[in-house]
ModelCIF file with pLDDT and N, C-alpha, C, O atoms, coordinates in Angstrom:
data_MODEL
#
_entry.id   MODEL 
#
_entity.id                         1 
_entity.type                       polymer 
_entity.pdbx_number_of_molecules   1 
#
_entity_poly.entity_id                      1 
_entity_poly.type                           'polypeptide(L)' 
_entity_poly.nstd_linkage                   no 
_entity_poly.nstd_monomer                   no 
_entity_poly.pdbx_seq_one_letter_code       RLATWFGLGGAAVTALLFAVAFGAFVTDHTLPGWTSTFLVVAGVGAV 
_entity_poly.pdbx_seq_one_letter_code_can   RLATWFGLGGAAVTALLFAVAFGAFVTDHTLPGWTSTFLVVAGVGAV 
_entity_poly.pdbx_strand_id                 A 
#
loop_
_entity_poly_seq.entity_id 
_entity_poly_seq.num 
_entity_poly_seq.mon_id 
_entity_poly_seq.hetero 
1 1  ARG n 
1 2  LEU n 
1 3  ALA n 
1 4  THR n 
1 5  TRP n 
1 6  PHE n 
1 7  GLY n 
1 8  LEU n 
1 9  GLY n 
1 10 GLY n 
1 11 ALA n 
1 12 ALA n 
1 13 VAL n 
1 14 THR n 
1 15 ALA n 
1 16 LEU n 
1 17 LEU n 
1 18 PHE n 
1 19 ALA n 
1 20 VAL n 
1 21 ALA n 
1 22 PHE n 
1 23 GLY n 
1 24 ALA n 
1 25 PHE n 
1 26 VAL n 
1 27 THR n 
1 28 ASP n 
1 29 HIS n 
1 30 THR n 
1 31 LEU n 
1 32 PRO n 
1 33 GLY n 
1 34 TRP n 
1 35 THR n 
1 36 SER n 
1 37 THR n 
1 38 PHE n 
1 39 LEU n 
1 40 VAL n 
1 41 VAL n 
1 42 ALA n 
1 43 GLY n 
1 44 VAL n 
1 45 GLY n 
1 46 ALA n 
1 47 VAL n 
#
_struct_asym.id          A 
_struct_asym.entity_id   1 
#
loop_
_ma_qa_metric.id 
_ma_qa_metric.mode 
_ma_qa_metric.name 
_ma_qa_metric.software_group_id 
_ma_qa_metric.type 
1 global pLDDT . pLDDT 
2 local  pLDDT . pLDDT 
#
_ma_qa_metric_global.metric_id      1 
_ma_qa_metric_global.metric_value   64.38 
_ma_qa_metric_global.model_id       1 
_ma_qa_metric_global.ordinal_id     1 
#
loop_
_ma_qa_metric_local.label_asym_id 
_ma_qa_metric_local.label_comp_id 
_ma_qa_metric_local.label_seq_id 
_ma_qa_metric_local.metric_id 
_ma_qa_metric_local.metric_value 
_ma_qa_metric_local.model_id 
_ma_qa_metric_local.ordinal_id 
A ARG 1  2 64.00 1 1  
A LEU 2  2 66.00 1 2  
A ALA 3  2 66.00 1 3  
A THR 4  2 65.00 1 4  
A TRP 5  2 67.00 1 5  
A PHE 6  2 68.00 1 6  
A GLY 7  2 67.00 1 7  
A LEU 8  2 63.00 1 8  
A GLY 9  2 69.00 1 9  
A GLY 10 2 66.00 1 10 
A ALA 11 2 63.00 1 11 
A ALA 12 2 67.00 1 12 
A VAL 13 2 69.00 1 13 
A THR 14 2 64.00 1 14 
A ALA 15 2 63.00 1 15 
A LEU 16 2 69.00 1 16 
A LEU 17 2 64.00 1 17 
A PHE 18 2 64.00 1 18 
A ALA 19 2 68.00 1 19 
A VAL 20 2 66.00 1 20 
A ALA 21 2 63.00 1 21 
A PHE 22 2 61.00 1 22 
A GLY 23 2 67.00 1 23 
A ALA 24 2 64.00 1 24 
A PHE 25 2 60.00 1 25 
A VAL 26 2 67.00 1 26 
A THR 27 2 71.00 1 27 
A ASP 28 2 65.00 1 28 
A HIS 29 2 61.00 1 29 
A THR 30 2 57.00 1 30 
A LEU 31 2 57.00 1 31 
A PRO 32 2 64.00 1 32 
A GLY 33 2 63.00 1 33 
A TRP 34 2 51.00 1 34 
A THR 35 2 53.00 1 35 
A SER 36 2 64.00 1 36 
A THR 37 2 68.00 1 37 
A PHE 38 2 54.00 1 38 
A LEU 39 2 60.00 1 39 
A VAL 40 2 68.00 1 40 
A VAL 41 2 69.00 1 41 
A ALA 42 2 59.00 1 42 
A GLY 43 2 67.00 1 43 
A VAL 44 2 70.00 1 44 
A GLY 45 2 69.00 1 45 
A ALA 46 2 66.00 1 46 
A VAL 47 2 70.00 1 47 
#
loop_
_atom_site.group_PDB 
_atom_site.id 
_atom_site.type_symbol 
_atom_site.label_atom_id 
_atom_site.label_alt_id 
_atom_site.label_comp_id 
_atom_site.label_asym_id 
_atom_site.label_entity_id 
_atom_site.label_seq_id 
_atom_site.pdbx_PDB_ins_code 
_atom_site.Cartn_x 
_atom_site.Cartn_y 
_atom_site.Cartn_z 
_atom_site.occupancy 
_atom_site.B_iso_or_equiv 
_atom_site.pdbx_formal_charge 
_atom_site.auth_seq_id 
_atom_site.auth_comp_id 
_atom_site.auth_asym_id 
_atom_site.auth_atom_id 
_atom_site.pdbx_PDB_model_num 
ATOM 1   N N  . ARG A 1 1  ? 14.983  10.604  13.254  1.00 64.00 ? 1  ARG A N  1 
ATOM 2   C CA . ARG A 1 1  ? 14.682  11.252  12.177  1.00 64.00 ? 1  ARG A CA 1 
ATOM 3   C C  . ARG A 1 1  ? 14.243  10.414  10.480  1.00 64.00 ? 1  ARG A C  1 
ATOM 4   O O  . ARG A 1 1  ? 13.562  10.644  9.481   1.00 64.00 ? 1  ARG A O  1 
ATOM 5   N N  . LEU A 1 2  ? 14.967  9.581   10.917  1.00 66.00 ? 2  LEU A N  1 
ATOM 6   C CA . LEU A 1 2  ? 14.910  8.518   9.741   1.00 66.00 ? 2  LEU A CA 1 
ATOM 7   C C  . LEU A 1 2  ? 13.905  7.404   10.045  1.00 66.00 ? 2  LEU A C  1 
ATOM 8   O O  . LEU A 1 2  ? 13.205  6.835   9.207   1.00 66.00 ? 2  LEU A O  1 
ATOM 9   N N  . ALA A 1 3  ? 13.942  7.106   11.757  1.00 66.00 ? 3  ALA A N  1 
ATOM 10  C CA . ALA A 1 3  ? 12.391  6.485   11.468  1.00 66.00 ? 3  ALA A CA 1 
ATOM 11  C C  . ALA A 1 3  ? 11.252  6.756   11.336  1.00 66.00 ? 3  ALA A C  1 
ATOM 12  O O  . ALA A 1 3  ? 10.265  6.044   11.148  1.00 66.00 ? 3  ALA A O  1 
ATOM 13  N N  . THR A 1 4  ? 11.478  8.645   11.514  1.00 65.00 ? 4  THR A N  1 
ATOM 14  C CA . THR A 1 4  ? 9.736   9.539   11.233  1.00 65.00 ? 4  THR A CA 1 
ATOM 15  C C  . THR A 1 4  ? 9.587   9.158   10.014  1.00 65.00 ? 4  THR A C  1 
ATOM 16  O O  . THR A 1 4  ? 8.607   8.549   9.584   1.00 65.00 ? 4  THR A O  1 
ATOM 17  N N  . TRP A 1 5  ? 10.979  9.647   9.114   1.00 67.00 ? 5  TRP A N  1 
ATOM 18  C CA . TRP A 1 5  ? 10.678  9.718   7.724   1.00 67.00 ? 5  TRP A CA 1 
ATOM 19  C C  . TRP A 1 5  ? 10.204  8.386   6.919   1.00 67.00 ? 5  TRP A C  1 
ATOM 20  O O  . TRP A 1 5  ? 9.880   8.313   5.734   1.00 67.00 ? 5  TRP A O  1 
ATOM 21  N N  . PHE A 1 6  ? 10.253  7.387   7.864   1.00 68.00 ? 6  PHE A N  1 
ATOM 22  C CA . PHE A 1 6  ? 10.264  5.951   7.253   1.00 68.00 ? 6  PHE A CA 1 
ATOM 23  C C  . PHE A 1 6  ? 8.652   5.899   7.268   1.00 68.00 ? 6  PHE A C  1 
ATOM 24  O O  . PHE A 1 6  ? 7.991   5.438   6.337   1.00 68.00 ? 6  PHE A O  1 
ATOM 25  N N  . GLY A 1 7  ? 8.029   6.517   8.636   1.00 67.00 ? 7  GLY A N  1 
ATOM 26  C CA . GLY A 1 7  ? 6.706   6.560   8.746   1.00 67.00 ? 7  GLY A CA 1 
ATOM 27  C C  . GLY A 1 7  ? 5.825   7.198   8.236   1.00 67.00 ? 7  GLY A C  1 
ATOM 28  O O  . GLY A 1 7  ? 4.616   6.968   8.255   1.00 67.00 ? 7  GLY A O  1 
ATOM 29  N N  . LEU A 1 8  ? 6.545   8.270   7.614   1.00 63.00 ? 8  LEU A N  1 
ATOM 30  C CA . LEU A 1 8  ? 5.821   9.469   6.523   1.00 63.00 ? 8  LEU A CA 1 
ATOM 31  C C  . LEU A 1 8  ? 5.873   8.488   5.248   1.00 63.00 ? 8  LEU A C  1 
ATOM 32  O O  . LEU A 1 8  ? 4.824   8.138   4.707   1.00 63.00 ? 8  LEU A O  1 
ATOM 33  N N  . GLY A 1 9  ? 6.744   8.188   4.929   1.00 69.00 ? 9  GLY A N  1 
ATOM 34  C CA . GLY A 1 9  ? 7.411   7.387   3.516   1.00 69.00 ? 9  GLY A CA 1 
ATOM 35  C C  . GLY A 1 9  ? 5.822   6.272   3.752   1.00 69.00 ? 9  GLY A C  1 
ATOM 36  O O  . GLY A 1 9  ? 4.860   6.345   2.987   1.00 69.00 ? 9  GLY A O  1 
ATOM 37  N N  . GLY A 1 10 ? 5.882   5.454   4.788   1.00 66.00 ? 10 GLY A N  1 
ATOM 38  C CA . GLY A 1 10 ? 4.842   4.391   4.615   1.00 66.00 ? 10 GLY A CA 1 
ATOM 39  C C  . GLY A 1 10 ? 3.550   4.848   4.160   1.00 66.00 ? 10 GLY A C  1 
ATOM 40  O O  . GLY A 1 10 ? 2.910   4.587   3.141   1.00 66.00 ? 10 GLY A O  1 
ATOM 41  N N  . ALA A 1 11 ? 3.200   5.952   5.639   1.00 63.00 ? 11 ALA A N  1 
ATOM 42  C CA . ALA A 1 11 ? 2.041   6.686   5.000   1.00 63.00 ? 11 ALA A CA 1 
ATOM 43  C C  . ALA A 1 11 ? 1.548   7.400   3.705   1.00 63.00 ? 11 ALA A C  1 
ATOM 44  O O  . ALA A 1 11 ? 0.344   7.456   3.455   1.00 63.00 ? 11 ALA A O  1 
ATOM 45  N N  . ALA A 1 12 ? 2.438   7.915   2.929   1.00 67.00 ? 12 ALA A N  1 
ATOM 46  C CA . ALA A 1 12 ? 2.319   8.411   1.821   1.00 67.00 ? 12 ALA A CA 1 
ATOM 47  C C  . ALA A 1 12 ? 1.884   6.973   0.903   1.00 67.00 ? 12 ALA A C  1 
ATOM 48  O O  . ALA A 1 12 ? 0.868   6.819   0.225   1.00 67.00 ? 12 ALA A O  1 
ATOM 49  N N  . VAL A 1 13 ? 2.972   6.033   1.122   1.00 69.00 ? 13 VAL A N  1 
ATOM 50  C CA . VAL A 1 13 ? 2.627   4.624   -0.146  1.00 69.00 ? 13 VAL A CA 1 
ATOM 51  C C  . VAL A 1 13 ? 1.363   3.917   0.311   1.00 69.00 ? 13 VAL A C  1 
ATOM 52  O O  . VAL A 1 13 ? 0.824   3.122   -0.459  1.00 69.00 ? 13 VAL A O  1 
ATOM 53  N N  . THR A 1 14 ? 0.835   4.165   1.562   1.00 64.00 ? 14 THR A N  1 
ATOM 54  C CA . THR A 1 14 ? 0.051   3.502   2.064   1.00 64.00 ? 14 THR A CA 1 
ATOM 55  C C  . THR A 1 14 ? -1.544  4.430   1.239   1.00 64.00 ? 14 THR A C  1 
ATOM 56  O O  . THR A 1 14 ? -2.257  3.963   0.351   1.00 64.00 ? 14 THR A O  1 
ATOM 57  N N  . ALA A 1 15 ? -1.682  5.753   1.899   1.00 63.00 ? 15 ALA A N  1 
ATOM 58  C CA . ALA A 1 15 ? -2.270  6.378   0.952   1.00 63.00 ? 15 ALA A CA 1 
ATOM 59  C C  . ALA A 1 15 ? -2.527  6.465   -0.604  1.00 63.00 ? 15 ALA A C  1 
ATOM 60  O O  . ALA A 1 15 ? -3.652  6.746   -1.018  1.00 63.00 ? 15 ALA A O  1 
ATOM 61  N N  . LEU A 1 16 ? -1.054  6.125   -1.801  1.00 69.00 ? 16 LEU A N  1 
ATOM 62  C CA . LEU A 1 16 ? -1.410  5.949   -2.749  1.00 69.00 ? 16 LEU A CA 1 
ATOM 63  C C  . LEU A 1 16 ? -1.909  4.635   -3.213  1.00 69.00 ? 16 LEU A C  1 
ATOM 64  O O  . LEU A 1 16 ? -2.442  4.436   -4.304  1.00 69.00 ? 16 LEU A O  1 
ATOM 65  N N  . LEU A 1 17 ? -1.647  3.581   -2.105  1.00 64.00 ? 17 LEU A N  1 
ATOM 66  C CA . LEU A 1 17 ? -2.099  2.419   -2.740  1.00 64.00 ? 17 LEU A CA 1 
ATOM 67  C C  . LEU A 1 17 ? -4.157  2.762   -2.210  1.00 64.00 ? 17 LEU A C  1 
ATOM 68  O O  . LEU A 1 17 ? -5.127  2.782   -2.968  1.00 64.00 ? 17 LEU A O  1 
ATOM 69  N N  . PHE A 1 18 ? -4.123  2.929   -0.993  1.00 64.00 ? 18 PHE A N  1 
ATOM 70  C CA . PHE A 1 18 ? -5.797  3.015   -1.223  1.00 64.00 ? 18 PHE A CA 1 
ATOM 71  C C  . PHE A 1 18 ? -6.216  3.692   -2.158  1.00 64.00 ? 18 PHE A C  1 
ATOM 72  O O  . PHE A 1 18 ? -7.340  3.278   -2.441  1.00 64.00 ? 18 PHE A O  1 
ATOM 73  N N  . ALA A 1 19 ? -5.779  4.914   -3.105  1.00 68.00 ? 19 ALA A N  1 
ATOM 74  C CA . ALA A 1 19 ? -5.999  5.941   -3.928  1.00 68.00 ? 19 ALA A CA 1 
ATOM 75  C C  . ALA A 1 19 ? -6.643  4.666   -5.012  1.00 68.00 ? 19 ALA A C  1 
ATOM 76  O O  . ALA A 1 19 ? -7.822  4.635   -5.363  1.00 68.00 ? 19 ALA A O  1 
ATOM 77  N N  . VAL A 1 20 ? -5.511  3.575   -5.470  1.00 66.00 ? 20 VAL A N  1 
ATOM 78  C CA . VAL A 1 20 ? -5.204  2.904   -6.837  1.00 66.00 ? 20 VAL A CA 1 
ATOM 79  C C  . VAL A 1 20 ? -6.367  2.034   -6.301  1.00 66.00 ? 20 VAL A C  1 
ATOM 80  O O  . VAL A 1 20 ? -7.343  2.050   -7.052  1.00 66.00 ? 20 VAL A O  1 
ATOM 81  N N  . ALA A 1 21 ? -6.524  1.159   -5.012  1.00 63.00 ? 21 ALA A N  1 
ATOM 82  C CA . ALA A 1 21 ? -7.547  0.324   -4.738  1.00 63.00 ? 21 ALA A CA 1 
ATOM 83  C C  . ALA A 1 21 ? -8.968  0.630   -4.711  1.00 63.00 ? 21 ALA A C  1 
ATOM 84  O O  . ALA A 1 21 ? -9.919  -0.144  -4.817  1.00 63.00 ? 21 ALA A O  1 
ATOM 85  N N  . PHE A 1 22 ? -8.946  2.254   -4.503  1.00 61.00 ? 22 PHE A N  1 
ATOM 86  C CA . PHE A 1 22 ? -10.279 2.517   -4.872  1.00 61.00 ? 22 PHE A CA 1 
ATOM 87  C C  . PHE A 1 22 ? -10.893 2.922   -6.222  1.00 61.00 ? 22 PHE A C  1 
ATOM 88  O O  . PHE A 1 22 ? -12.074 2.806   -6.550  1.00 61.00 ? 22 PHE A O  1 
ATOM 89  N N  . GLY A 1 23 ? -9.895  3.410   -6.928  1.00 67.00 ? 23 GLY A N  1 
ATOM 90  C CA . GLY A 1 23 ? -10.016 3.565   -8.183  1.00 67.00 ? 23 GLY A CA 1 
ATOM 91  C C  . GLY A 1 23 ? -10.649 2.239   -9.068  1.00 67.00 ? 23 GLY A C  1 
ATOM 92  O O  . GLY A 1 23 ? -11.594 2.314   -9.853  1.00 67.00 ? 23 GLY A O  1 
ATOM 93  N N  . ALA A 1 24 ? -9.445  0.336   -8.542  1.00 64.00 ? 24 ALA A N  1 
ATOM 94  C CA . ALA A 1 24 ? -9.711  0.093   -9.284  1.00 64.00 ? 24 ALA A CA 1 
ATOM 95  C C  . ALA A 1 24 ? -11.533 -0.714  -8.555  1.00 64.00 ? 24 ALA A C  1 
ATOM 96  O O  . ALA A 1 24 ? -12.202 -1.498  -9.230  1.00 64.00 ? 24 ALA A O  1 
ATOM 97  N N  . PHE A 1 25 ? -11.770 -0.440  -7.727  1.00 60.00 ? 25 PHE A N  1 
ATOM 98  C CA . PHE A 1 25 ? -12.955 -0.407  -7.281  1.00 60.00 ? 25 PHE A CA 1 
ATOM 99  C C  . PHE A 1 25 ? -13.832 -0.226  -8.248  1.00 60.00 ? 25 PHE A C  1 
ATOM 100 O O  . PHE A 1 25 ? -14.239 -1.052  -9.065  1.00 60.00 ? 25 PHE A O  1 
ATOM 101 N N  . VAL A 1 26 ? -14.274 1.556   -8.052  1.00 67.00 ? 26 VAL A N  1 
ATOM 102 C CA . VAL A 1 26 ? -14.978 2.144   -9.039  1.00 67.00 ? 26 VAL A CA 1 
ATOM 103 C C  . VAL A 1 26 ? -14.933 1.424   -9.843  1.00 67.00 ? 26 VAL A C  1 
ATOM 104 O O  . VAL A 1 26 ? -15.759 0.511   -9.863  1.00 67.00 ? 26 VAL A O  1 
ATOM 105 N N  . THR A 1 27 ? -13.709 1.561   -11.085 1.00 71.00 ? 27 THR A N  1 
ATOM 106 C CA . THR A 1 27 ? -14.469 1.296   -12.161 1.00 71.00 ? 27 THR A CA 1 
ATOM 107 C C  . THR A 1 27 ? -14.322 -0.648  -12.113 1.00 71.00 ? 27 THR A C  1 
ATOM 108 O O  . THR A 1 27 ? -13.991 -1.121  -13.200 1.00 71.00 ? 27 THR A O  1 
ATOM 109 N N  . ASP A 1 28 ? -14.499 -1.462  -11.208 1.00 65.00 ? 28 ASP A N  1 
ATOM 110 C CA . ASP A 1 28 ? -14.418 -2.866  -11.561 1.00 65.00 ? 28 ASP A CA 1 
ATOM 111 C C  . ASP A 1 28 ? -13.437 -3.739  -12.281 1.00 65.00 ? 28 ASP A C  1 
ATOM 112 O O  . ASP A 1 28 ? -13.543 -4.654  -13.097 1.00 65.00 ? 28 ASP A O  1 
ATOM 113 N N  . HIS A 1 29 ? -12.385 -3.090  -11.650 1.00 61.00 ? 29 HIS A N  1 
ATOM 114 C CA . HIS A 1 29 ? -11.074 -4.217  -12.155 1.00 61.00 ? 29 HIS A CA 1 
ATOM 115 C C  . HIS A 1 29 ? -10.329 -4.879  -11.106 1.00 61.00 ? 29 HIS A C  1 
ATOM 116 O O  . HIS A 1 29 ? -9.221  -5.403  -11.225 1.00 61.00 ? 29 HIS A O  1 
ATOM 117 N N  . THR A 1 30 ? -11.166 -4.792  -9.894  1.00 57.00 ? 30 THR A N  1 
ATOM 118 C CA . THR A 1 30 ? -10.305 -5.729  -8.857  1.00 57.00 ? 30 THR A CA 1 
ATOM 119 C C  . THR A 1 30 ? -10.355 -6.997  -9.361  1.00 57.00 ? 30 THR A C  1 
ATOM 120 O O  . THR A 1 30 ? -11.176 -7.594  -10.057 1.00 57.00 ? 30 THR A O  1 
ATOM 121 N N  . LEU A 1 31 ? -9.350  -7.275  -8.885  1.00 57.00 ? 31 LEU A N  1 
ATOM 122 C CA . LEU A 1 31 ? -8.550  -8.401  -8.665  1.00 57.00 ? 31 LEU A CA 1 
ATOM 123 C C  . LEU A 1 31 ? -8.199  -9.479  -7.934  1.00 57.00 ? 31 LEU A C  1 
ATOM 124 O O  . LEU A 1 31 ? -7.001  -9.584  -8.195  1.00 57.00 ? 31 LEU A O  1 
ATOM 125 N N  . PRO A 1 32 ? -8.544  -10.560 -7.002  1.00 64.00 ? 32 PRO A N  1 
ATOM 126 C CA . PRO A 1 32 ? -7.676  -11.260 -6.169  1.00 64.00 ? 32 PRO A CA 1 
ATOM 127 C C  . PRO A 1 32 ? -6.228  -11.277 -6.771  1.00 64.00 ? 32 PRO A C  1 
ATOM 128 O O  . PRO A 1 32 ? -5.821  -11.487 -7.914  1.00 64.00 ? 32 PRO A O  1 
ATOM 129 N N  . GLY A 1 33 ? -5.437  -10.905 -5.295  1.00 63.00 ? 33 GLY A N  1 
ATOM 130 C CA . GLY A 1 33 ? -4.098  -11.239 -5.320  1.00 63.00 ? 33 GLY A CA 1 
ATOM 131 C C  . GLY A 1 33 ? -3.301  -11.127 -4.083  1.00 63.00 ? 33 GLY A C  1 
ATOM 132 O O  . GLY A 1 33 ? -3.417  -10.341 -3.143  1.00 63.00 ? 33 GLY A O  1 
ATOM 133 N N  . TRP A 1 34 ? -2.383  -12.183 -4.312  1.00 51.00 ? 34 TRP A N  1 
ATOM 134 C CA . TRP A 1 34 ? -2.152  -13.007 -2.960  1.00 51.00 ? 34 TRP A CA 1 
ATOM 135 C C  . TRP A 1 34 ? -0.077  -12.237 -2.913  1.00 51.00 ? 34 TRP A C  1 
ATOM 136 O O  . TRP A 1 34 ? 0.575   -11.944 -1.912  1.00 51.00 ? 34 TRP A O  1 
ATOM 137 N N  . THR A 1 35 ? 0.379   -12.150 -4.511  1.00 53.00 ? 35 THR A N  1 
ATOM 138 C CA . THR A 1 35 ? 1.561   -11.499 -3.997  1.00 53.00 ? 35 THR A CA 1 
ATOM 139 C C  . THR A 1 35 ? 1.778   -10.582 -3.508  1.00 53.00 ? 35 THR A C  1 
ATOM 140 O O  . THR A 1 35 ? 2.645   -10.475 -2.641  1.00 53.00 ? 35 THR A O  1 
ATOM 141 N N  . SER A 1 36 ? 0.657   -9.133  -4.147  1.00 64.00 ? 36 SER A N  1 
ATOM 142 C CA . SER A 1 36 ? 0.708   -7.887  -4.046  1.00 64.00 ? 36 SER A CA 1 
ATOM 143 C C  . SER A 1 36 ? 0.506   -7.528  -2.643  1.00 64.00 ? 36 SER A C  1 
ATOM 144 O O  . SER A 1 36 ? 1.215   -6.735  -2.023  1.00 64.00 ? 36 SER A O  1 
ATOM 145 N N  . THR A 1 37 ? -0.757  -8.318  -2.064  1.00 68.00 ? 37 THR A N  1 
ATOM 146 C CA . THR A 1 37 ? -1.323  -8.255  -0.677  1.00 68.00 ? 37 THR A CA 1 
ATOM 147 C C  . THR A 1 37 ? 0.297   -8.525  0.556   1.00 68.00 ? 37 THR A C  1 
ATOM 148 O O  . THR A 1 37 ? 0.762   -7.732  1.374   1.00 68.00 ? 37 THR A O  1 
ATOM 149 N N  . PHE A 1 38 ? 0.780   -10.000 0.180   1.00 54.00 ? 38 PHE A N  1 
ATOM 150 C CA . PHE A 1 38 ? 2.249   -10.194 0.553   1.00 54.00 ? 38 PHE A CA 1 
ATOM 151 C C  . PHE A 1 38 ? 3.031   -8.967  1.047   1.00 54.00 ? 38 PHE A C  1 
ATOM 152 O O  . PHE A 1 38 ? 3.197   -8.510  2.178   1.00 54.00 ? 38 PHE A O  1 
ATOM 153 N N  . LEU A 1 39 ? 3.614   -8.444  -0.603  1.00 60.00 ? 39 LEU A N  1 
ATOM 154 C CA . LEU A 1 39 ? 4.477   -7.768  -0.645  1.00 60.00 ? 39 LEU A CA 1 
ATOM 155 C C  . LEU A 1 39 ? 4.117   -6.572  0.498   1.00 60.00 ? 39 LEU A C  1 
ATOM 156 O O  . LEU A 1 39 ? 4.891   -6.337  1.426   1.00 60.00 ? 39 LEU A O  1 
ATOM 157 N N  . VAL A 1 40 ? 2.815   -5.835  0.306   1.00 68.00 ? 40 VAL A N  1 
ATOM 158 C CA . VAL A 1 40 ? 2.996   -4.822  0.765   1.00 68.00 ? 40 VAL A CA 1 
ATOM 159 C C  . VAL A 1 40 ? 2.947   -5.027  2.403   1.00 68.00 ? 40 VAL A C  1 
ATOM 160 O O  . VAL A 1 40 ? 3.402   -4.068  3.026   1.00 68.00 ? 40 VAL A O  1 
ATOM 161 N N  . VAL A 1 41 ? 2.450   -6.168  3.220   1.00 69.00 ? 41 VAL A N  1 
ATOM 162 C CA . VAL A 1 41 ? 2.322   -6.644  4.628   1.00 69.00 ? 41 VAL A CA 1 
ATOM 163 C C  . VAL A 1 41 ? 4.097   -6.590  4.669   1.00 69.00 ? 41 VAL A C  1 
ATOM 164 O O  . VAL A 1 41 ? 4.739   -5.915  5.473   1.00 69.00 ? 41 VAL A O  1 
ATOM 165 N N  . ALA A 1 42 ? 4.582   -7.319  3.785   1.00 59.00 ? 42 ALA A N  1 
ATOM 166 C CA . ALA A 1 42 ? 5.604   -7.866  4.556   1.00 59.00 ? 42 ALA A CA 1 
ATOM 167 C C  . ALA A 1 42 ? 6.527   -6.474  4.565   1.00 59.00 ? 42 ALA A C  1 
ATOM 168 O O  . ALA A 1 42 ? 7.143   -6.118  5.570   1.00 59.00 ? 42 ALA A O  1 
ATOM 169 N N  . GLY A 1 43 ? 6.539   -5.698  3.236   1.00 67.00 ? 43 GLY A N  1 
ATOM 170 C CA . GLY A 1 43 ? 6.954   -3.977  3.191   1.00 67.00 ? 43 GLY A CA 1 
ATOM 171 C C  . GLY A 1 43 ? 6.706   -3.002  5.006   1.00 67.00 ? 43 GLY A C  1 
ATOM 172 O O  . GLY A 1 43 ? 7.395   -2.233  5.676   1.00 67.00 ? 43 GLY A O  1 
ATOM 173 N N  . VAL A 1 44 ? 5.631   -3.502  5.112   1.00 70.00 ? 44 VAL A N  1 
ATOM 174 C CA . VAL A 1 44 ? 5.139   -2.364  6.412   1.00 70.00 ? 44 VAL A CA 1 
ATOM 175 C C  . VAL A 1 44 ? 5.636   -2.969  7.452   1.00 70.00 ? 44 VAL A C  1 
ATOM 176 O O  . VAL A 1 44 ? 5.900   -2.236  8.405   1.00 70.00 ? 44 VAL A O  1 
ATOM 177 N N  . GLY A 1 45 ? 5.941   -4.610  7.613   1.00 69.00 ? 45 GLY A N  1 
ATOM 178 C CA . GLY A 1 45 ? 6.392   -5.158  8.866   1.00 69.00 ? 45 GLY A CA 1 
ATOM 179 C C  . GLY A 1 45 ? 7.846   -4.672  9.037   1.00 69.00 ? 45 GLY A C  1 
ATOM 180 O O  . GLY A 1 45 ? 8.257   -4.312  10.141  1.00 69.00 ? 45 GLY A O  1 
ATOM 181 N N  . ALA A 1 46 ? 8.499   -4.666  8.102   1.00 66.00 ? 46 ALA A N  1 
ATOM 182 C CA . ALA A 1 46 ? 9.647   -4.809  8.080   1.00 66.00 ? 46 ALA A CA 1 
ATOM 183 C C  . ALA A 1 46 ? 10.214  -2.794  8.806   1.00 66.00 ? 46 ALA A C  1 
ATOM 184 O O  . ALA A 1 46 ? 11.086  -2.482  9.618   1.00 66.00 ? 46 ALA A O  1 
ATOM 185 N N  . VAL A 1 47 ? 9.254   -1.949  8.043   1.00 70.00 ? 47 VAL A N  1 
ATOM 186 C CA . VAL A 1 47 ? 9.799   -0.668  8.349   1.00 70.00 ? 47 VAL A CA 1 
ATOM 187 C C  . VAL A 1 47 ? 9.666   -0.183  9.997   1.00 70.00 ? 47 VAL A C  1 
ATOM 188 O O  . VAL A 1 47 ? 10.107  0.909   10.356  1.00 70.00 ? 47 VAL A O  1 
#
């Protein structure tokens, strides 16, 4: 059940990040960033 909650939590965080990314794209505030991408990928991989 803990693994299930991790999966649900990961899905919620992904949805939030998608909304943030889409908002940044619409408002033309996108900036290239290696650190944020690395942390997200590493976090999801660890889970």
